[in-house]
Amino acid sequence: MATTARERIEMRVSPEVKILAERASAAMGCSSLTEFVTGLIREHAPSILAKQTTIELSNTQFDNFLSVCNDQTLKPGKSLLKAAKKLDDEGY
């Protein structure tokens, strides 16, 4: 049987937080705090990360964005050029 590599996460919490986590873990039928915390991470992390990588615009906002992008008379400011250089330097 193949074994899966495991990583360790260590954390210190107050006694109240530990008791709360143990009660919630038991209420969900988890066999351990590890199972409980892992489940929370798997459930919530994807949506948290999606919020950081997704921009939602209304049709009007998108139309305005395209209009600005296509306006040849506008030039990027120093802050935008600095941000673009930083992204280039980081390999994006």
PDB file of N, CA and C in Angstrom:
ATOM      1  N   MET A   1       0.844  -1.175   0.000  1.00  0.00           N
ATOM      2  CA  MET A   1       0.000   0.000   0.000  1.00  0.00           C
ATOM      3  C   MET A   1       0.890   1.237   0.000  1.00  0.00           C
ATOM      4  N   ALA A   2       0.592   2.209  -0.869  1.00  0.00           N
ATOM      5  CA  ALA A   2       1.365   3.443  -0.942  1.00  0.00           C
ATOM      6  C   ALA A   2       0.959   4.372   0.197  1.00  0.00           C
ATOM      7  N   THR A   3       1.955   5.053   0.741  1.00  0.00           N
ATOM      8  CA  THR A   3       1.655   6.013   1.800  1.00  0.00           C
ATOM      9  C   THR A   3       1.668   7.422   1.224  1.00  0.00           C
ATOM     10  N   THR A   4       0.856   8.269   1.799  1.00  0.00           N
ATOM     11  CA  THR A   4       0.770   9.653   1.370  1.00  0.00           C
ATOM     12  C   THR A   4       1.615  10.504   2.299  1.00  0.00           C
ATOM     13  N   ALA A   5       2.441  11.375   1.722  1.00  0.00           N
ATOM     14  CA  ALA A   5       3.246  12.275   2.541  1.00  0.00           C
ATOM     15  C   ALA A   5       2.325  13.203   3.326  1.00  0.00           C
ATOM     16  N   ARG A   6       2.705  13.509   4.520  1.00  0.00           N
ATOM     17  CA  ARG A   6       1.901  14.380   5.381  1.00  0.00           C
ATOM     18  C   ARG A   6       2.746  15.559   5.841  1.00  0.00           C
ATOM     19  N   GLU A   7       2.110  16.702   5.958  1.00  0.00           N
ATOM     20  CA  GLU A   7       2.743  17.888   6.513  1.00  0.00           C
ATOM     21  C   GLU A   7       2.102  18.166   7.863  1.00  0.00           C
ATOM     22  N   ARG A   8       2.813  18.884   8.700  1.00  0.00           N
ATOM     23  CA  ARG A   8       2.337  19.155  10.041  1.00  0.00           C
ATOM     24  C   ARG A   8       2.025  20.644  10.178  1.00  0.00           C
ATOM     25  N   ILE A   9       0.905  20.956  10.800  1.00  0.00           N
ATOM     26  CA  ILE A   9       0.552  22.329  11.160  1.00  0.00           C
ATOM     27  C   ILE A   9       0.418  22.354  12.679  1.00  0.00           C
ATOM     28  N   GLU A  10       1.203  23.212  13.299  1.00  0.00           N
ATOM     29  CA  GLU A  10       1.110  23.341  14.750  1.00  0.00           C
ATOM     30  C   GLU A  10       0.516  24.693  15.083  1.00  0.00           C
ATOM     31  N   MET A  11      -0.336  24.720  16.084  1.00  0.00           N
ATOM     32  CA  MET A  11      -0.941  25.982  16.490  1.00  0.00           C
ATOM     33  C   MET A  11      -1.268  25.951  17.967  1.00  0.00           C
ATOM     34  N   ARG A  12      -1.240  27.113  18.547  1.00  0.00           N
ATOM     35  CA  ARG A  12      -1.605  27.249  19.957  1.00  0.00           C
ATOM     36  C   ARG A  12      -2.875  28.091  20.012  1.00  0.00           C
ATOM     37  N   VAL A  13      -3.823  27.644  20.796  1.00  0.00           N
ATOM     38  CA  VAL A  13      -5.089  28.351  20.959  1.00  0.00           C
ATOM     39  C   VAL A  13      -5.432  28.413  22.434  1.00  0.00           C
ATOM     40  N   SER A  14      -6.331  29.292  22.768  1.00  0.00           N
ATOM     41  CA  SER A  14      -6.775  29.394  24.160  1.00  0.00           C
ATOM     42  C   SER A  14      -7.584  28.141  24.517  1.00  0.00           C
ATOM     43  N   PRO A  15      -7.695  27.844  25.794  1.00  0.00           N
ATOM     44  CA  PRO A  15      -8.512  26.697  26.202  1.00  0.00           C
ATOM     45  C   PRO A  15      -9.959  26.791  25.707  1.00  0.00           C
ATOM     46  N   GLU A  16     -10.500  28.012  25.676  1.00  0.00           N
ATOM     47  CA  GLU A  16     -11.875  28.196  25.217  1.00  0.00           C
ATOM     48  C   GLU A  16     -12.020  27.824  23.742  1.00  0.00           C
ATOM     49  N   VAL A  17     -11.042  28.230  22.931  1.00  0.00           N
ATOM     50  CA  VAL A  17     -11.093  27.910  21.507  1.00  0.00           C
ATOM     51  C   VAL A  17     -10.955  26.408  21.304  1.00  0.00           C
ATOM     52  N   LYS A  18     -10.091  25.774  22.076  1.00  0.00           N
ATOM     53  CA  LYS A  18      -9.920  24.320  21.938  1.00  0.00           C
ATOM     54  C   LYS A  18     -11.207  23.584  22.298  1.00  0.00           C
ATOM     55  N   ILE A  19     -11.839  23.985  23.383  1.00  0.00           N
ATOM     56  CA  ILE A  19     -13.100  23.348  23.800  1.00  0.00           C
ATOM     57  C   ILE A  19     -14.176  23.556  22.729  1.00  0.00           C
ATOM     58  N   LEU A  20     -14.251  24.775  22.195  1.00  0.00           N
ATOM     59  CA  LEU A  20     -15.226  25.074  21.146  1.00  0.00           C
ATOM     60  C   LEU A  20     -14.971  24.193  19.922  1.00  0.00           C
ATOM     61  N   ALA A  21     -13.705  24.056  19.524  1.00  0.00           N
ATOM     62  CA  ALA A  21     -13.359  23.228  18.373  1.00  0.00           C
ATOM     63  C   ALA A  21     -13.686  21.759  18.637  1.00  0.00           C
ATOM     64  N   GLU A  22     -13.400  21.276  19.829  1.00  0.00           N
ATOM     65  CA  GLU A  22     -13.699  19.878  20.167  1.00  0.00           C
ATOM     66  C   GLU A  22     -15.204  19.622  20.138  1.00  0.00           C
ATOM     67  N   ARG A  23     -15.981  20.554  20.659  1.00  0.00           N
ATOM     68  CA  ARG A  23     -17.440  20.385  20.654  1.00  0.00           C
ATOM     69  C   ARG A  23     -17.981  20.395  19.230  1.00  0.00           C
ATOM     70  N   ALA A  24     -17.504  21.330  18.413  1.00  0.00           N
ATOM     71  CA  ALA A  24     -17.955  21.400  17.020  1.00  0.00           C
ATOM     72  C   ALA A  24     -17.517  20.161  16.248  1.00  0.00           C
ATOM     73  N   SER A  25     -16.315  19.705  16.511  1.00  0.00           N
ATOM     74  CA  SER A  25     -15.806  18.498  15.854  1.00  0.00           C
ATOM     75  C   SER A  25     -16.689  17.299  16.180  1.00  0.00           C
ATOM     76  N   ALA A  26     -17.024  17.154  17.452  1.00  0.00           N
ATOM     77  CA  ALA A  26     -17.890  16.045  17.872  1.00  0.00           C
ATOM     78  C   ALA A  26     -19.285  16.183  17.257  1.00  0.00           C
ATOM     79  N   ALA A  27     -19.802  17.411  17.213  1.00  0.00           N
ATOM     80  CA  ALA A  27     -21.136  17.640  16.647  1.00  0.00           C
ATOM     81  C   ALA A  27     -21.177  17.275  15.168  1.00  0.00           C
ATOM     82  N   MET A  28     -20.062  17.441  14.474  1.00  0.00           N
ATOM     83  CA  MET A  28     -20.004  17.102  13.053  1.00  0.00           C
ATOM     84  C   MET A  28     -19.665  15.628  12.831  1.00  0.00           C
ATOM     85  N   GLY A  29     -19.390  14.906  13.901  1.00  0.00           N
ATOM     86  CA  GLY A  29     -19.075  13.487  13.769  1.00  0.00           C
ATOM     87  C   GLY A  29     -17.646  13.213  13.341  1.00  0.00           C
ATOM     88  N   CYS A  30     -16.773  14.177  13.531  1.00  0.00           N
ATOM     89  CA  CYS A  30     -15.366  13.980  13.168  1.00  0.00           C
ATOM     90  C   CYS A  30     -14.689  13.102  14.214  1.00  0.00           C
ATOM     91  N   SER A  31     -13.738  12.311  13.758  1.00  0.00           N
ATOM     92  CA  SER A  31     -13.039  11.425  14.678  1.00  0.00           C
ATOM     93  C   SER A  31     -11.894  12.122  15.399  1.00  0.00           C
ATOM     94  N   SER A  32     -11.508  13.317  14.932  1.00  0.00           N
ATOM     95  CA  SER A  32     -10.398  14.037  15.562  1.00  0.00           C
ATOM     96  C   SER A  32     -10.475  15.518  15.215  1.00  0.00           C
ATOM     97  N   LEU A  33      -9.711  16.306  15.959  1.00  0.00           N
ATOM     98  CA  LEU A  33      -9.605  17.725  15.632  1.00  0.00           C
ATOM     99  C   LEU A  33      -8.915  17.904  14.283  1.00  0.00           C
ATOM    100  N   THR A  34      -7.979  17.025  13.977  1.00  0.00           N
ATOM    101  CA  THR A  34      -7.305  17.083  12.680  1.00  0.00           C
ATOM    102  C   THR A  34      -8.310  16.930  11.548  1.00  0.00           C
ATOM    103  N   GLU A  35      -9.200  15.974  11.662  1.00  0.00           N
ATOM    104  CA  GLU A  35     -10.225  15.774  10.634  1.00  0.00           C
ATOM    105  C   GLU A  35     -11.129  16.996  10.538  1.00  0.00           C
ATOM    106  N   PHE A  36     -11.483  17.569  11.684  1.00  0.00           N
ATOM    107  CA  PHE A  36     -12.346  18.742  11.722  1.00  0.00           C
ATOM    108  C   PHE A  36     -11.682  19.942  11.045  1.00  0.00           C
ATOM    109  N   VAL A  37     -10.451  20.256  11.441  1.00  0.00           N
ATOM    110  CA  VAL A  37      -9.747  21.416  10.884  1.00  0.00           C
ATOM    111  C   VAL A  37      -9.462  21.203   9.403  1.00  0.00           C
ATOM    112  N   THR A  38      -9.058  20.012   9.026  1.00  0.00           N
ATOM    113  CA  THR A  38      -8.805  19.707   7.619  1.00  0.00           C
ATOM    114  C   THR A  38     -10.072  19.901   6.795  1.00  0.00           C
ATOM    115  N   GLY A  39     -11.184  19.461   7.320  1.00  0.00           N
ATOM    116  CA  GLY A  39     -12.466  19.639   6.626  1.00  0.00           C
ATOM    117  C   GLY A  39     -12.811  21.104   6.444  1.00  0.00           C
ATOM    118  N   LEU A  40     -12.576  21.910   7.485  1.00  0.00           N
ATOM    119  CA  LEU A  40     -12.847  23.343   7.376  1.00  0.00           C
ATOM    120  C   LEU A  40     -11.952  23.991   6.318  1.00  0.00           C
ATOM    121  N   ILE A  41     -10.687  23.609   6.298  1.00  0.00           N
ATOM    122  CA  ILE A  41      -9.765  24.165   5.305  1.00  0.00           C
ATOM    123  C   ILE A  41     -10.212  23.783   3.903  1.00  0.00           C
ATOM    124  N   ARG A  42     -10.510  22.510   3.694  1.00  0.00           N
ATOM    125  CA  ARG A  42     -10.936  22.058   2.364  1.00  0.00           C
ATOM    126  C   ARG A  42     -12.238  22.742   1.927  1.00  0.00           C
ATOM    127  N   GLU A  43     -13.123  22.995   2.865  1.00  0.00           N
ATOM    128  CA  GLU A  43     -14.418  23.592   2.529  1.00  0.00           C
ATOM    129  C   GLU A  43     -14.304  25.089   2.230  1.00  0.00           C
ATOM    130  N   HIS A  44     -13.509  25.799   3.018  1.00  0.00           N
ATOM    131  CA  HIS A  44     -13.500  27.255   2.926  1.00  0.00           C
ATOM    132  C   HIS A  44     -12.345  27.851   2.124  1.00  0.00           C
ATOM    133  N   ALA A  45     -11.209  27.196   2.095  1.00  0.00           N
ATOM    134  CA  ALA A  45     -10.045  27.774   1.408  1.00  0.00           C
ATOM    135  C   ALA A  45     -10.293  28.046  -0.075  1.00  0.00           C
ATOM    136  N   PRO A  46     -10.918  27.133  -0.824  1.00  0.00           N
ATOM    137  CA  PRO A  46     -11.122  27.424  -2.247  1.00  0.00           C
ATOM    138  C   PRO A  46     -11.926  28.702  -2.513  1.00  0.00           C
ATOM    139  N   SER A  47     -12.985  28.935  -1.744  1.00  0.00           N
ATOM    140  CA  SER A  47     -13.779  30.144  -1.986  1.00  0.00           C
ATOM    141  C   SER A  47     -13.030  31.394  -1.541  1.00  0.00           C
ATOM    142  N   ILE A  48     -12.233  31.298  -0.493  1.00  0.00           N
ATOM    143  CA  ILE A  48     -11.421  32.430  -0.055  1.00  0.00           C
ATOM    144  C   ILE A  48     -10.416  32.788  -1.141  1.00  0.00           C
ATOM    145  N   LEU A  49      -9.759  31.782  -1.692  1.00  0.00           N
ATOM    146  CA  LEU A  49      -8.777  32.022  -2.749  1.00  0.00           C
ATOM    147  C   LEU A  49      -9.442  32.529  -4.019  1.00  0.00           C
ATOM    148  N   ALA A  50     -10.621  32.026  -4.331  1.00  0.00           N
ATOM    149  CA  ALA A  50     -11.341  32.485  -5.520  1.00  0.00           C
ATOM    150  C   ALA A  50     -11.680  33.968  -5.404  1.00  0.00           C
ATOM    151  N   LYS A  51     -12.042  34.408  -4.213  1.00  0.00           N
ATOM    152  CA  LYS A  51     -12.356  35.821  -4.007  1.00  0.00           C
ATOM    153  C   LYS A  51     -11.132  36.698  -4.232  1.00  0.00           C
ATOM    154  N   GLN A  52      -9.946  36.148  -3.972  1.00  0.00           N
ATOM    155  CA  GLN A  52      -8.714  36.910  -4.158  1.00  0.00           C
ATOM    156  C   GLN A  52      -8.265  36.954  -5.611  1.00  0.00           C
ATOM    157  N   THR A  53      -8.782  36.057  -6.433  1.00  0.00           N
ATOM    158  CA  THR A  53      -8.308  35.955  -7.813  1.00  0.00           C
ATOM    159  C   THR A  53      -9.384  36.268  -8.840  1.00  0.00           C
ATOM    160  N   THR A  54     -10.562  36.653  -8.391  1.00  0.00           N
ATOM    161  CA  THR A  54     -11.676  36.915  -9.295  1.00  0.00           C
ATOM    162  C   THR A  54     -12.144  38.352  -9.150  1.00  0.00           C
ATOM    163  N   ILE A  55     -12.374  38.979 -10.271  1.00  0.00           N
ATOM    164  CA  ILE A  55     -12.948  40.324 -10.271  1.00  0.00           C
ATOM    165  C   ILE A  55     -14.301  40.235 -10.959  1.00  0.00           C
ATOM    166  N   GLU A  56     -15.330  40.673 -10.270  1.00  0.00           N
ATOM    167  CA  GLU A  56     -16.667  40.670 -10.855  1.00  0.00           C
ATOM    168  C   GLU A  56     -17.087  42.097 -11.140  1.00  0.00           C
ATOM    169  N   LEU A  57     -17.508  42.326 -12.372  1.00  0.00           N
ATOM    170  CA  LEU A  57     -17.963  43.646 -12.791  1.00  0.00           C
ATOM    171  C   LEU A  57     -19.360  43.550 -13.390  1.00  0.00           C
ATOM    172  N   SER A  58     -20.103  44.631 -13.245  1.00  0.00           N
ATOM    173  CA  SER A  58     -21.380  44.716 -13.955  1.00  0.00           C
ATOM    174  C   SER A  58     -21.067  44.957 -15.430  1.00  0.00           C
ATOM    175  N   ASN A  59     -22.057  44.815 -16.287  1.00  0.00           N
ATOM    176  CA  ASN A  59     -21.848  45.084 -17.709  1.00  0.00           C
ATOM    177  C   ASN A  59     -21.389  46.520 -17.932  1.00  0.00           C
ATOM    178  N   THR A  60     -21.968  47.444 -17.202  1.00  0.00           N
ATOM    179  CA  THR A  60     -21.589  48.852 -17.345  1.00  0.00           C
ATOM    180  C   THR A  60     -20.145  49.071 -16.911  1.00  0.00           C
ATOM    181  N   GLN A  61     -19.757  48.479 -15.793  1.00  0.00           N
ATOM    182  CA  GLN A  61     -18.379  48.607 -15.325  1.00  0.00           C
ATOM    183  C   GLN A  61     -17.404  48.014 -16.339  1.00  0.00           C
ATOM    184  N   PHE A  62     -17.754  46.869 -16.899  1.00  0.00           N
ATOM    185  CA  PHE A  62     -16.885  46.235 -17.885  1.00  0.00           C
ATOM    186  C   PHE A  62     -16.772  47.092 -19.147  1.00  0.00           C
ATOM    187  N   ASP A  63     -17.895  47.638 -19.592  1.00  0.00           N
ATOM    188  CA  ASP A  63     -17.872  48.518 -20.763  1.00  0.00           C
ATOM    189  C   ASP A  63     -16.988  49.732 -20.506  1.00  0.00           C
ATOM    190  N   ASN A  64     -17.083  50.319 -19.312  1.00  0.00           N
ATOM    191  CA  ASN A  64     -16.233  51.460 -18.953  1.00  0.00           C
ATOM    192  C   ASN A  64     -14.761  51.051 -18.917  1.00  0.00           C
ATOM    193  N   PHE A  65     -14.481  49.882 -18.383  1.00  0.00           N
ATOM    194  CA  PHE A  65     -13.116  49.372 -18.339  1.00  0.00           C
ATOM    195  C   PHE A  65     -12.544  49.227 -19.748  1.00  0.00           C
ATOM    196  N   LEU A  66     -13.316  48.615 -20.641  1.00  0.00           N
ATOM    197  CA  LEU A  66     -12.856  48.457 -22.019  1.00  0.00           C
ATOM    198  C   LEU A  66     -12.644  49.803 -22.696  1.00  0.00           C
ATOM    199  N   SER A  67     -13.523  50.743 -22.409  1.00  0.00           N
ATOM    200  CA  SER A  67     -13.404  52.068 -23.002  1.00  0.00           C
ATOM    201  C   SER A  67     -12.086  52.720 -22.585  1.00  0.00           C
ATOM    202  N   VAL A  68     -11.757  52.626 -21.311  1.00  0.00           N
ATOM    203  CA  VAL A  68     -10.502  53.203 -20.818  1.00  0.00           C
ATOM    204  C   VAL A  68      -9.307  52.467 -21.415  1.00  0.00           C
ATOM    205  N   CYS A  69      -9.382  51.150 -21.490  1.00  0.00           N
ATOM    206  CA  CYS A  69      -8.275  50.365 -22.058  1.00  0.00           C
ATOM    207  C   CYS A  69      -8.032  50.713 -23.525  1.00  0.00           C
ATOM    208  N   ASN A  70      -9.074  51.009 -24.250  1.00  0.00           N
ATOM    209  CA  ASN A  70      -8.958  51.290 -25.676  1.00  0.00           C
ATOM    210  C   ASN A  70      -8.696  52.757 -25.985  1.00  0.00           C
ATOM    211  N   ASP A  71      -8.708  53.612 -24.984  1.00  0.00           N
ATOM    212  CA  ASP A  71      -8.488  55.045 -25.192  1.00  0.00           C
ATOM    213  C   ASP A  71      -6.990  55.306 -25.362  1.00  0.00           C
ATOM    214  N   GLN A  72      -6.574  55.575 -26.597  1.00  0.00           N
ATOM    215  CA  GLN A  72      -5.164  55.767 -26.924  1.00  0.00           C
ATOM    216  C   GLN A  72      -4.595  57.069 -26.362  1.00  0.00           C
ATOM    217  N   THR A  73      -5.454  57.997 -25.939  1.00  0.00           N
ATOM    218  CA  THR A  73      -4.967  59.274 -25.424  1.00  0.00           C
ATOM    219  C   THR A  73      -4.518  59.169 -23.968  1.00  0.00           C
ATOM    220  N   LEU A  74      -4.932  58.108 -23.283  1.00  0.00           N
ATOM    221  CA  LEU A  74      -4.559  57.942 -21.875  1.00  0.00           C
ATOM    222  C   LEU A  74      -3.210  57.244 -21.763  1.00  0.00           C
ATOM    223  N   LYS A  75      -2.397  57.676 -20.812  1.00  0.00           N
ATOM    224  CA  LYS A  75      -1.091  57.075 -20.552  1.00  0.00           C
ATOM    225  C   LYS A  75      -1.080  56.561 -19.116  1.00  0.00           C
ATOM    226  N   PRO A  76      -0.416  55.423 -18.866  1.00  0.00           N
ATOM    227  CA  PRO A  76      -0.375  54.895 -17.501  1.00  0.00           C
ATOM    228  C   PRO A  76       0.419  55.821 -16.577  1.00  0.00           C
ATOM    229  N   GLY A  77      -0.038  55.902 -15.342  1.00  0.00           N
ATOM    230  CA  GLY A  77       0.645  56.708 -14.331  1.00  0.00           C
ATOM    231  C   GLY A  77       1.827  55.964 -13.734  1.00  0.00           C
ATOM    232  N   LYS A  78       2.588  56.657 -12.891  1.00  0.00           N
ATOM    233  CA  LYS A  78       3.784  56.072 -12.269  1.00  0.00           C
ATOM    234  C   LYS A  78       3.444  54.832 -11.427  1.00  0.00           C
ATOM    235  N   SER A  79       2.357  54.894 -10.682  1.00  0.00           N
ATOM    236  CA  SER A  79       1.980  53.768  -9.822  1.00  0.00           C
ATOM    237  C   SER A  79       1.674  52.517 -10.641  1.00  0.00           C
ATOM    238  N   LEU A  80       0.952  52.704 -11.750  1.00  0.00           N
ATOM    239  CA  LEU A  80       0.616  51.564 -12.599  1.00  0.00           C
ATOM    240  C   LEU A  80       1.869  50.990 -13.253  1.00  0.00           C
ATOM    241  N   LEU A  81       2.755  51.850 -13.719  1.00  0.00           N
ATOM    242  CA  LEU A  81       4.003  51.375 -14.324  1.00  0.00           C
ATOM    243  C   LEU A  81       4.866  50.628 -13.301  1.00  0.00           C
ATOM    244  N   LYS A  82       4.900  51.139 -12.078  1.00  0.00           N
ATOM    245  CA  LYS A  82       5.660  50.475 -10.999  1.00  0.00           C
ATOM    246  C   LYS A  82       5.067  49.097 -10.701  1.00  0.00           C
ATOM    247  N   ALA A  83       3.739  49.024 -10.627  1.00  0.00           N
ATOM    248  CA  ALA A  83       3.077  47.737 -10.363  1.00  0.00           C
ATOM    249  C   ALA A  83       3.336  46.756 -11.500  1.00  0.00           C
ATOM    250  N   ALA A  84       3.269  47.223 -12.738  1.00  0.00           N
ATOM    251  CA  ALA A  84       3.522  46.350 -13.892  1.00  0.00           C
ATOM    252  C   ALA A  84       4.957  45.842 -13.871  1.00  0.00           C
ATOM    253  N   LYS A  85       5.910  46.708 -13.521  1.00  0.00           N
ATOM    254  CA  LYS A  85       7.311  46.282 -13.443  1.00  0.00           C
ATOM    255  C   LYS A  85       7.496  45.222 -12.356  1.00  0.00           C
ATOM    256  N   LYS A  86       6.841  45.427 -11.220  1.00  0.00           N
ATOM    257  CA  LYS A  86       6.941  44.454 -10.128  1.00  0.00           C
ATOM    258  C   LYS A  86       6.413  43.088 -10.577  1.00  0.00           C
ATOM    259  N   LEU A  87       5.286  43.073 -11.279  1.00  0.00           N
ATOM    260  CA  LEU A  87       4.737  41.816 -11.791  1.00  0.00           C
ATOM    261  C   LEU A  87       5.689  41.174 -12.797  1.00  0.00           C
ATOM    262  N   ASP A  88       6.296  41.988 -13.669  1.00  0.00           N
ATOM    263  CA  ASP A  88       7.266  41.469 -14.625  1.00  0.00           C
ATOM    264  C   ASP A  88       8.454  40.852 -13.894  1.00  0.00           C
ATOM    265  N   ASP A  89       8.956  41.551 -12.888  1.00  0.00           N
ATOM    266  CA  ASP A  89      10.113  41.071 -12.120  1.00  0.00           C
ATOM    267  C   ASP A  89       9.797  39.762 -11.387  1.00  0.00           C
ATOM    268  N   GLU A  90       8.532  39.579 -11.012  1.00  0.00           N
ATOM    269  CA  GLU A  90       8.124  38.356 -10.314  1.00  0.00           C
ATOM    270  C   GLU A  90       7.768  37.241 -11.264  1.00  0.00           C
ATOM    271  N   GLY A  91       7.807  37.514 -12.566  1.00  0.00           N
ATOM    272  CA  GLY A  91       7.567  36.470 -13.551  1.00  0.00           C
ATOM    273  C   GLY A  91       6.124  36.288 -13.985  1.00  0.00           C
ATOM    274  N   TYR A  92       5.291  37.272 -13.749  1.00  0.00           N
ATOM    275  CA  TYR A  92       3.881  37.163 -14.153  1.00  0.00           C
ATOM    276  C   TYR A  92       3.680  37.736 -15.521  1.00  0.00           C
TER     277      TYR A  92
END
